[in-house]
Amino acid sequence: MKFKLVPEAPDDLTLLADAQRAVPLVPGTEDDCCARLMERLDFPSRDVARTWLTFLRALGLAEETRSGFARVRRDADRDELADAFETRVYGVATVLDRLDESGPLSAEAAFEEFREEIPTWERHKDPIRVEDVWRERIGNLLDWAVLFGLAERTDGGYRRA
């Protein structure tokens, strides 16, 4: 399963660890988990908290059980996080491949390279906003790729690390 929701990347991985710790060890509902994330990390909305919860699941730092969502008891290192990010988040491998092929790309150029990969059903779900949503998502992917050591920022944009 590939996850699509990717929050805005922080300046460092501290917020990721804080978000993981905010998810309960005893499974809770999505609403309960989002409320905890909002309360403990000052997220501005439930949508932001839900995006973080989904992203934590993608990285293997939280899981969905029959009883709800729960924190996974493990401290993943940067390489494990990078591997989970590349293999479990939709679009990451494609964007990184484009960086390999095209050299440094701006976030906008990376989006243009990725545009045809946007799932058809998402184009139909919200045709007016779909490109803005994915443009933001690709920018977030690139910033997380930098945090995980998969890419680096250059004067020309981003390139594969």
N, C-alpha and C. Protein backbone atom coordinates (compact mmCIF):
# COMPACT_ATOMS: atom_id res chain seq x y z
N MET A 1 0.84 -1.18 0.00
CA MET A 1 0.00 0.00 0.00
C MET A 1 0.88 1.24 0.00
N LYS A 2 0.52 2.20 -0.84
CA LYS A 2 1.24 3.47 -0.91
C LYS A 2 0.37 4.55 -0.27
N PHE A 3 1.01 5.41 0.49
CA PHE A 3 0.33 6.51 1.15
C PHE A 3 0.57 7.79 0.36
N LYS A 4 -0.41 8.67 0.31
CA LYS A 4 -0.27 9.89 -0.48
C LYS A 4 -0.10 11.15 0.35
N LEU A 5 -0.66 11.18 1.54
CA LEU A 5 -0.61 12.41 2.33
C LEU A 5 0.78 12.64 2.89
N VAL A 6 1.29 13.84 2.66
CA VAL A 6 2.63 14.22 3.11
C VAL A 6 2.55 15.62 3.72
N PRO A 7 2.87 15.75 5.00
CA PRO A 7 2.81 17.08 5.61
C PRO A 7 3.96 17.95 5.13
N GLU A 8 3.84 19.21 5.43
CA GLU A 8 4.94 20.13 5.17
C GLU A 8 6.14 19.67 6.00
N ALA A 9 7.32 19.67 5.40
CA ALA A 9 8.51 19.20 6.11
C ALA A 9 8.99 20.25 7.12
N PRO A 10 9.35 19.81 8.30
CA PRO A 10 9.92 20.74 9.29
C PRO A 10 11.39 21.00 8.98
N ASP A 11 12.03 21.79 9.81
CA ASP A 11 13.45 22.09 9.61
C ASP A 11 14.35 20.91 9.95
N ASP A 12 13.89 20.05 10.86
CA ASP A 12 14.68 18.87 11.23
C ASP A 12 13.73 17.75 11.62
N LEU A 13 14.28 16.61 12.01
CA LEU A 13 13.45 15.44 12.30
C LEU A 13 12.87 15.42 13.71
N THR A 14 13.13 16.45 14.50
CA THR A 14 12.61 16.50 15.87
C THR A 14 11.09 16.45 15.90
N LEU A 15 10.45 17.20 15.02
CA LEU A 15 8.98 17.21 15.00
C LEU A 15 8.42 15.83 14.65
N LEU A 16 9.11 15.10 13.80
CA LEU A 16 8.68 13.75 13.46
C LEU A 16 8.67 12.86 14.70
N ALA A 17 9.73 12.92 15.49
CA ALA A 17 9.80 12.13 16.73
C ALA A 17 8.73 12.59 17.72
N ASP A 18 8.51 13.89 17.82
CA ASP A 18 7.47 14.41 18.71
C ASP A 18 6.09 13.94 18.27
N ALA A 19 5.85 13.94 16.97
CA ALA A 19 4.55 13.48 16.45
C ALA A 19 4.35 12.00 16.75
N GLN A 20 5.40 11.21 16.59
CA GLN A 20 5.28 9.78 16.90
C GLN A 20 4.93 9.59 18.38
N ARG A 21 5.60 10.33 19.26
CA ARG A 21 5.32 10.20 20.69
C ARG A 21 3.91 10.66 21.06
N ALA A 22 3.32 11.52 20.24
CA ALA A 22 1.97 12.01 20.52
C ALA A 22 0.90 10.97 20.20
N VAL A 23 1.22 10.01 19.36
CA VAL A 23 0.27 8.95 19.04
C VAL A 23 0.23 7.99 20.23
N PRO A 24 -0.95 7.59 20.69
CA PRO A 24 -1.03 6.75 21.89
C PRO A 24 -0.49 5.34 21.66
N LEU A 25 0.02 4.74 22.72
CA LEU A 25 0.44 3.34 22.66
C LEU A 25 -0.77 2.42 22.63
N VAL A 26 -1.82 2.79 23.37
CA VAL A 26 -3.07 2.03 23.37
C VAL A 26 -3.90 2.57 22.21
N PRO A 27 -4.32 1.71 21.29
CA PRO A 27 -5.02 2.19 20.09
C PRO A 27 -6.21 3.09 20.42
N GLY A 28 -6.31 4.14 19.60
CA GLY A 28 -7.42 5.08 19.74
C GLY A 28 -8.02 5.37 18.38
N THR A 29 -9.17 5.99 18.38
CA THR A 29 -9.82 6.34 17.12
C THR A 29 -9.00 7.40 16.40
N GLU A 30 -9.29 7.55 15.12
CA GLU A 30 -8.60 8.60 14.35
C GLU A 30 -8.86 9.96 14.99
N ASP A 31 -10.09 10.22 15.41
CA ASP A 31 -10.42 11.50 16.04
C ASP A 31 -9.59 11.71 17.31
N ASP A 32 -9.48 10.67 18.15
CA ASP A 32 -8.70 10.77 19.38
C ASP A 32 -7.23 11.06 19.07
N CYS A 33 -6.68 10.34 18.11
CA CYS A 33 -5.28 10.53 17.75
C CYS A 33 -5.03 11.93 17.18
N CYS A 34 -5.93 12.38 16.34
CA CYS A 34 -5.79 13.72 15.76
C CYS A 34 -5.89 14.79 16.85
N ALA A 35 -6.79 14.58 17.81
CA ALA A 35 -6.93 15.53 18.92
C ALA A 35 -5.64 15.58 19.73
N ARG A 36 -5.03 14.43 19.97
CA ARG A 36 -3.75 14.40 20.71
C ARG A 36 -2.65 15.12 19.95
N LEU A 37 -2.59 14.87 18.64
CA LEU A 37 -1.57 15.55 17.83
C LEU A 37 -1.78 17.06 17.84
N MET A 38 -3.02 17.49 17.74
CA MET A 38 -3.32 18.93 17.76
C MET A 38 -2.96 19.54 19.11
N GLU A 39 -3.32 18.85 20.17
CA GLU A 39 -3.08 19.36 21.51
C GLU A 39 -1.58 19.41 21.84
N ARG A 40 -0.89 18.34 21.54
CA ARG A 40 0.53 18.25 21.94
C ARG A 40 1.48 18.99 21.01
N LEU A 41 1.10 19.14 19.74
CA LEU A 41 2.02 19.75 18.78
C LEU A 41 1.50 21.05 18.20
N ASP A 42 0.37 21.50 18.70
CA ASP A 42 -0.20 22.77 18.24
C ASP A 42 -0.51 22.79 16.74
N PHE A 43 -0.91 21.65 16.19
CA PHE A 43 -1.30 21.64 14.79
C PHE A 43 -2.57 22.49 14.66
N PRO A 44 -2.68 23.25 13.59
CA PRO A 44 -3.77 24.21 13.47
C PRO A 44 -5.13 23.60 13.13
N SER A 45 -5.16 22.37 12.63
CA SER A 45 -6.45 21.79 12.23
C SER A 45 -6.39 20.26 12.30
N ARG A 46 -7.58 19.68 12.26
CA ARG A 46 -7.68 18.23 12.23
C ARG A 46 -7.09 17.68 10.94
N ASP A 47 -7.25 18.39 9.83
CA ASP A 47 -6.68 17.93 8.55
C ASP A 47 -5.16 17.82 8.62
N VAL A 48 -4.52 18.79 9.25
CA VAL A 48 -3.06 18.74 9.41
C VAL A 48 -2.68 17.54 10.28
N ALA A 49 -3.40 17.35 11.37
CA ALA A 49 -3.12 16.22 12.27
C ALA A 49 -3.34 14.89 11.55
N ARG A 50 -4.41 14.79 10.76
CA ARG A 50 -4.69 13.55 10.01
C ARG A 50 -3.59 13.28 8.98
N THR A 51 -3.10 14.33 8.35
CA THR A 51 -1.99 14.17 7.40
C THR A 51 -0.77 13.62 8.11
N TRP A 52 -0.46 14.15 9.29
CA TRP A 52 0.68 13.65 10.05
C TRP A 52 0.48 12.20 10.48
N LEU A 53 -0.73 11.87 10.92
CA LEU A 53 -1.01 10.49 11.34
C LEU A 53 -0.81 9.53 10.17
N THR A 54 -1.29 9.90 9.01
CA THR A 54 -1.11 9.08 7.81
C THR A 54 0.37 8.96 7.46
N PHE A 55 1.09 10.05 7.55
CA PHE A 55 2.52 10.04 7.22
C PHE A 55 3.30 9.17 8.21
N LEU A 56 2.94 9.23 9.48
CA LEU A 56 3.58 8.35 10.47
C LEU A 56 3.34 6.88 10.14
N ARG A 57 2.14 6.58 9.67
CA ARG A 57 1.85 5.20 9.25
C ARG A 57 2.73 4.83 8.05
N ALA A 58 2.87 5.72 7.11
CA ALA A 58 3.69 5.44 5.93
C ALA A 58 5.13 5.14 6.32
N LEU A 59 5.62 5.81 7.33
CA LEU A 59 7.01 5.63 7.76
C LEU A 59 7.18 4.47 8.74
N GLY A 60 6.09 3.82 9.09
CA GLY A 60 6.16 2.69 10.02
C GLY A 60 6.30 3.12 11.47
N LEU A 61 5.92 4.36 11.78
CA LEU A 61 6.04 4.87 13.15
C LEU A 61 4.70 4.81 13.89
N ALA A 62 3.63 4.54 13.17
CA ALA A 62 2.30 4.34 13.75
C ALA A 62 1.62 3.28 12.89
N GLU A 63 0.59 2.68 13.45
CA GLU A 63 -0.12 1.64 12.70
C GLU A 63 -1.61 1.73 12.98
N GLU A 64 -2.37 1.20 12.02
CA GLU A 64 -3.81 1.08 12.21
C GLU A 64 -4.11 -0.36 12.60
N THR A 65 -4.73 -0.53 13.75
CA THR A 65 -5.10 -1.86 14.24
C THR A 65 -6.62 -1.98 14.18
N ARG A 66 -7.13 -3.13 14.56
CA ARG A 66 -8.59 -3.31 14.61
C ARG A 66 -9.23 -2.36 15.61
N SER A 67 -8.47 -1.98 16.62
CA SER A 67 -9.00 -1.11 17.68
C SER A 67 -8.75 0.37 17.44
N GLY A 68 -8.01 0.69 16.40
CA GLY A 68 -7.71 2.10 16.12
C GLY A 68 -6.24 2.28 15.78
N PHE A 69 -5.77 3.48 15.98
CA PHE A 69 -4.39 3.84 15.63
C PHE A 69 -3.52 3.84 16.87
N ALA A 70 -2.28 3.38 16.70
CA ALA A 70 -1.36 3.29 17.83
C ALA A 70 0.06 3.58 17.37
N ARG A 71 0.84 4.05 18.31
CA ARG A 71 2.26 4.29 18.08
C ARG A 71 2.99 2.95 17.98
N VAL A 72 3.95 2.87 17.10
CA VAL A 72 4.83 1.71 17.01
C VAL A 72 6.01 1.99 17.93
N ARG A 73 6.32 1.01 18.77
CA ARG A 73 7.43 1.19 19.72
C ARG A 73 8.75 0.91 19.04
N ARG A 74 9.26 1.90 18.36
CA ARG A 74 10.60 1.76 17.78
C ARG A 74 11.11 3.14 17.42
N ASP A 75 12.39 3.28 17.53
CA ASP A 75 13.05 4.49 17.09
C ASP A 75 13.75 4.17 15.79
N ALA A 76 13.18 4.64 14.70
CA ALA A 76 13.78 4.37 13.39
C ALA A 76 14.92 5.35 13.14
N ASP A 77 15.98 4.83 12.53
CA ASP A 77 17.06 5.74 12.17
C ASP A 77 16.75 6.37 10.82
N ARG A 78 17.56 7.33 10.46
CA ARG A 78 17.32 8.11 9.24
C ARG A 78 17.28 7.22 7.99
N ASP A 79 18.14 6.21 7.92
CA ASP A 79 18.16 5.33 6.75
C ASP A 79 16.87 4.51 6.65
N GLU A 80 16.37 4.01 7.79
CA GLU A 80 15.11 3.26 7.79
C GLU A 80 13.94 4.16 7.38
N LEU A 81 13.95 5.37 7.88
CA LEU A 81 12.90 6.32 7.52
C LEU A 81 12.96 6.65 6.03
N ALA A 82 14.18 6.84 5.52
CA ALA A 82 14.34 7.15 4.09
C ALA A 82 13.84 6.00 3.23
N ASP A 83 14.15 4.78 3.64
CA ASP A 83 13.69 3.61 2.87
C ASP A 83 12.16 3.52 2.89
N ALA A 84 11.56 3.68 4.06
CA ALA A 84 10.10 3.64 4.15
C ALA A 84 9.48 4.77 3.33
N PHE A 85 10.06 5.94 3.39
CA PHE A 85 9.57 7.09 2.64
C PHE A 85 9.59 6.80 1.14
N GLU A 86 10.70 6.26 0.66
CA GLU A 86 10.84 6.00 -0.76
C GLU A 86 9.93 4.86 -1.24
N THR A 87 9.72 3.86 -0.42
CA THR A 87 8.96 2.70 -0.87
C THR A 87 7.47 2.77 -0.55
N ARG A 88 7.08 3.54 0.47
CA ARG A 88 5.69 3.51 0.93
C ARG A 88 4.90 4.80 0.67
N VAL A 89 5.58 5.85 0.20
CA VAL A 89 4.87 7.10 -0.09
C VAL A 89 4.76 7.27 -1.60
N TYR A 90 3.54 7.40 -2.08
CA TYR A 90 3.28 7.50 -3.50
C TYR A 90 4.01 8.71 -4.11
N GLY A 91 4.72 8.43 -5.18
CA GLY A 91 5.38 9.49 -5.94
C GLY A 91 6.84 9.72 -5.62
N VAL A 92 7.29 9.28 -4.45
CA VAL A 92 8.67 9.57 -4.05
C VAL A 92 9.66 8.93 -5.02
N ALA A 93 9.51 7.64 -5.30
CA ALA A 93 10.46 6.96 -6.19
C ALA A 93 10.46 7.61 -7.57
N THR A 94 9.29 7.99 -8.07
CA THR A 94 9.20 8.62 -9.38
C THR A 94 9.90 9.97 -9.39
N VAL A 95 9.66 10.77 -8.38
CA VAL A 95 10.31 12.09 -8.31
C VAL A 95 11.82 11.93 -8.20
N LEU A 96 12.27 11.00 -7.37
CA LEU A 96 13.72 10.79 -7.23
C LEU A 96 14.33 10.30 -8.55
N ASP A 97 13.61 9.43 -9.26
CA ASP A 97 14.09 8.98 -10.57
C ASP A 97 14.23 10.16 -11.53
N ARG A 98 13.27 11.07 -11.49
CA ARG A 98 13.33 12.25 -12.37
C ARG A 98 14.53 13.13 -12.01
N LEU A 99 14.85 13.21 -10.73
CA LEU A 99 16.04 13.97 -10.32
C LEU A 99 17.30 13.32 -10.86
N ASP A 100 17.33 11.99 -10.86
CA ASP A 100 18.48 11.26 -11.43
C ASP A 100 18.62 11.54 -12.91
N GLU A 101 17.49 11.52 -13.63
CA GLU A 101 17.50 11.67 -15.09
C GLU A 101 17.75 13.10 -15.54
N SER A 102 17.18 14.05 -14.83
CA SER A 102 17.17 15.43 -15.31
C SER A 102 18.15 16.35 -14.60
N GLY A 103 18.82 15.85 -13.59
CA GLY A 103 19.71 16.74 -12.85
C GLY A 103 18.89 17.62 -11.93
N PRO A 104 19.46 18.72 -11.48
CA PRO A 104 18.71 19.59 -10.55
C PRO A 104 17.40 20.07 -11.17
N LEU A 105 16.34 19.98 -10.38
CA LEU A 105 15.02 20.45 -10.80
C LEU A 105 14.45 21.35 -9.70
N SER A 106 13.79 22.41 -10.10
CA SER A 106 13.04 23.21 -9.14
C SER A 106 11.82 22.38 -8.73
N ALA A 107 11.16 22.80 -7.67
CA ALA A 107 9.95 22.11 -7.25
C ALA A 107 8.90 22.17 -8.36
N GLU A 108 8.81 23.28 -9.05
CA GLU A 108 7.83 23.41 -10.14
C GLU A 108 8.18 22.48 -11.29
N ALA A 109 9.47 22.40 -11.65
CA ALA A 109 9.88 21.51 -12.73
C ALA A 109 9.67 20.05 -12.34
N ALA A 110 9.90 19.71 -11.08
CA ALA A 110 9.66 18.34 -10.60
C ALA A 110 8.17 18.02 -10.71
N PHE A 111 7.32 18.99 -10.37
CA PHE A 111 5.88 18.77 -10.54
C PHE A 111 5.53 18.53 -12.00
N GLU A 112 6.08 19.33 -12.89
CA GLU A 112 5.79 19.17 -14.32
C GLU A 112 6.22 17.79 -14.81
N GLU A 113 7.35 17.30 -14.31
CA GLU A 113 7.82 15.96 -14.67
C GLU A 113 6.89 14.88 -14.12
N PHE A 114 6.25 15.16 -12.99
CA PHE A 114 5.40 14.19 -12.31
C PHE A 114 3.93 14.27 -12.75
N ARG A 115 3.52 15.35 -13.34
CA ARG A 115 2.12 15.66 -13.63
C ARG A 115 1.32 14.46 -14.17
N GLU A 116 1.89 13.70 -15.08
CA GLU A 116 1.16 12.57 -15.70
C GLU A 116 0.95 11.41 -14.73
N GLU A 117 1.63 11.41 -13.60
CA GLU A 117 1.50 10.33 -12.61
C GLU A 117 0.36 10.56 -11.62
N ILE A 118 -0.26 11.73 -11.68
CA ILE A 118 -1.38 12.01 -10.77
C ILE A 118 -2.49 11.02 -11.10
N PRO A 119 -2.98 10.29 -10.10
CA PRO A 119 -4.01 9.29 -10.36
C PRO A 119 -5.26 9.90 -11.01
N THR A 120 -5.80 9.18 -11.97
CA THR A 120 -6.96 9.65 -12.72
C THR A 120 -8.13 9.97 -11.82
N TRP A 121 -8.40 9.10 -10.84
CA TRP A 121 -9.55 9.34 -9.97
C TRP A 121 -9.40 10.63 -9.19
N GLU A 122 -8.16 11.04 -8.87
CA GLU A 122 -7.96 12.30 -8.16
C GLU A 122 -8.22 13.49 -9.08
N ARG A 123 -7.92 13.32 -10.35
CA ARG A 123 -8.22 14.38 -11.32
C ARG A 123 -9.72 14.61 -11.42
N HIS A 124 -10.49 13.52 -11.32
CA HIS A 124 -11.95 13.62 -11.41
C HIS A 124 -12.59 14.05 -10.09
N LYS A 125 -11.95 13.70 -9.00
CA LYS A 125 -12.51 14.03 -7.68
C LYS A 125 -12.56 15.54 -7.46
N ASP A 126 -11.50 16.23 -7.84
CA ASP A 126 -11.44 17.68 -7.61
C ASP A 126 -10.64 18.33 -8.74
N PRO A 127 -11.21 18.37 -9.94
CA PRO A 127 -10.45 18.82 -11.11
C PRO A 127 -9.94 20.27 -11.02
N ILE A 128 -10.60 21.09 -10.25
CA ILE A 128 -10.18 22.49 -10.15
C ILE A 128 -8.92 22.63 -9.30
N ARG A 129 -8.82 21.86 -8.22
CA ARG A 129 -7.70 22.01 -7.29
C ARG A 129 -6.61 20.94 -7.41
N VAL A 130 -6.82 19.92 -8.21
CA VAL A 130 -5.92 18.77 -8.20
C VAL A 130 -4.47 19.16 -8.45
N GLU A 131 -4.22 20.02 -9.39
CA GLU A 131 -2.82 20.36 -9.67
C GLU A 131 -2.20 21.20 -8.56
N ASP A 132 -2.97 22.07 -7.94
CA ASP A 132 -2.44 22.83 -6.80
C ASP A 132 -2.10 21.90 -5.64
N VAL A 133 -2.97 20.92 -5.38
CA VAL A 133 -2.73 19.96 -4.30
C VAL A 133 -1.46 19.17 -4.58
N TRP A 134 -1.31 18.68 -5.80
CA TRP A 134 -0.14 17.87 -6.13
C TRP A 134 1.13 18.72 -6.27
N ARG A 135 1.01 19.94 -6.68
CA ARG A 135 2.18 20.84 -6.72
C ARG A 135 2.74 21.02 -5.31
N GLU A 136 1.84 21.25 -4.35
CA GLU A 136 2.25 21.37 -2.95
C GLU A 136 2.83 20.05 -2.44
N ARG A 137 2.18 18.94 -2.79
CA ARG A 137 2.63 17.63 -2.34
C ARG A 137 4.03 17.31 -2.86
N ILE A 138 4.30 17.63 -4.12
CA ILE A 138 5.63 17.37 -4.69
C ILE A 138 6.68 18.24 -3.98
N GLY A 139 6.34 19.48 -3.69
CA GLY A 139 7.25 20.33 -2.91
C GLY A 139 7.55 19.73 -1.56
N ASN A 140 6.52 19.22 -0.89
CA ASN A 140 6.71 18.56 0.41
C ASN A 140 7.56 17.30 0.27
N LEU A 141 7.31 16.51 -0.76
CA LEU A 141 8.12 15.30 -1.00
C LEU A 141 9.59 15.65 -1.13
N LEU A 142 9.87 16.69 -1.90
CA LEU A 142 11.26 17.09 -2.11
C LEU A 142 11.91 17.53 -0.80
N ASP A 143 11.19 18.30 0.00
CA ASP A 143 11.76 18.76 1.27
C ASP A 143 11.99 17.60 2.24
N TRP A 144 11.07 16.63 2.28
CA TRP A 144 11.30 15.44 3.11
C TRP A 144 12.46 14.62 2.56
N ALA A 145 12.58 14.53 1.24
CA ALA A 145 13.71 13.79 0.65
C ALA A 145 15.03 14.40 1.10
N VAL A 146 15.09 15.71 1.22
CA VAL A 146 16.29 16.37 1.72
C VAL A 146 16.53 15.98 3.18
N LEU A 147 15.48 16.04 4.00
CA LEU A 147 15.63 15.67 5.42
C LEU A 147 16.11 14.24 5.60
N PHE A 148 15.65 13.34 4.74
CA PHE A 148 16.03 11.94 4.85
C PHE A 148 17.33 11.61 4.11
N GLY A 149 17.97 12.61 3.51
CA GLY A 149 19.25 12.38 2.84
C GLY A 149 19.14 11.76 1.46
N LEU A 150 17.94 11.78 0.87
CA LEU A 150 17.73 11.21 -0.46
C LEU A 150 17.96 12.24 -1.57
N ALA A 151 17.89 13.50 -1.22
CA ALA A 151 18.08 14.59 -2.19
C ALA A 151 18.78 15.73 -1.47
N GLU A 152 19.23 16.68 -2.25
CA GLU A 152 19.83 17.87 -1.66
C GLU A 152 19.40 19.10 -2.46
N ARG A 153 19.38 20.23 -1.76
CA ARG A 153 19.04 21.49 -2.42
C ARG A 153 20.30 22.06 -3.07
N THR A 154 20.11 22.59 -4.26
CA THR A 154 21.19 23.26 -4.96
C THR A 154 20.66 24.59 -5.48
N ASP A 155 21.54 25.36 -6.08
CA ASP A 155 21.09 26.61 -6.69
C ASP A 155 20.06 26.36 -7.79
N GLY A 156 20.16 25.21 -8.44
CA GLY A 156 19.23 24.88 -9.51
C GLY A 156 17.97 24.17 -9.04
N GLY A 157 17.80 24.00 -7.74
CA GLY A 157 16.63 23.32 -7.21
C GLY A 157 17.01 22.15 -6.34
N TYR A 158 16.60 20.97 -6.74
CA TYR A 158 16.87 19.73 -5.99
C TYR A 158 17.58 18.74 -6.91
N ARG A 159 18.49 17.97 -6.33
CA ARG A 159 19.10 16.88 -7.08
C ARG A 159 19.21 15.68 -6.16
N ARG A 160 19.36 14.54 -6.77
CA ARG A 160 19.48 13.28 -6.01
C ARG A 160 20.78 13.31 -5.22
N ALA A 161 20.72 12.91 -3.97
CA ALA A 161 21.93 12.90 -3.12
C ALA A 161 22.77 11.68 -3.44
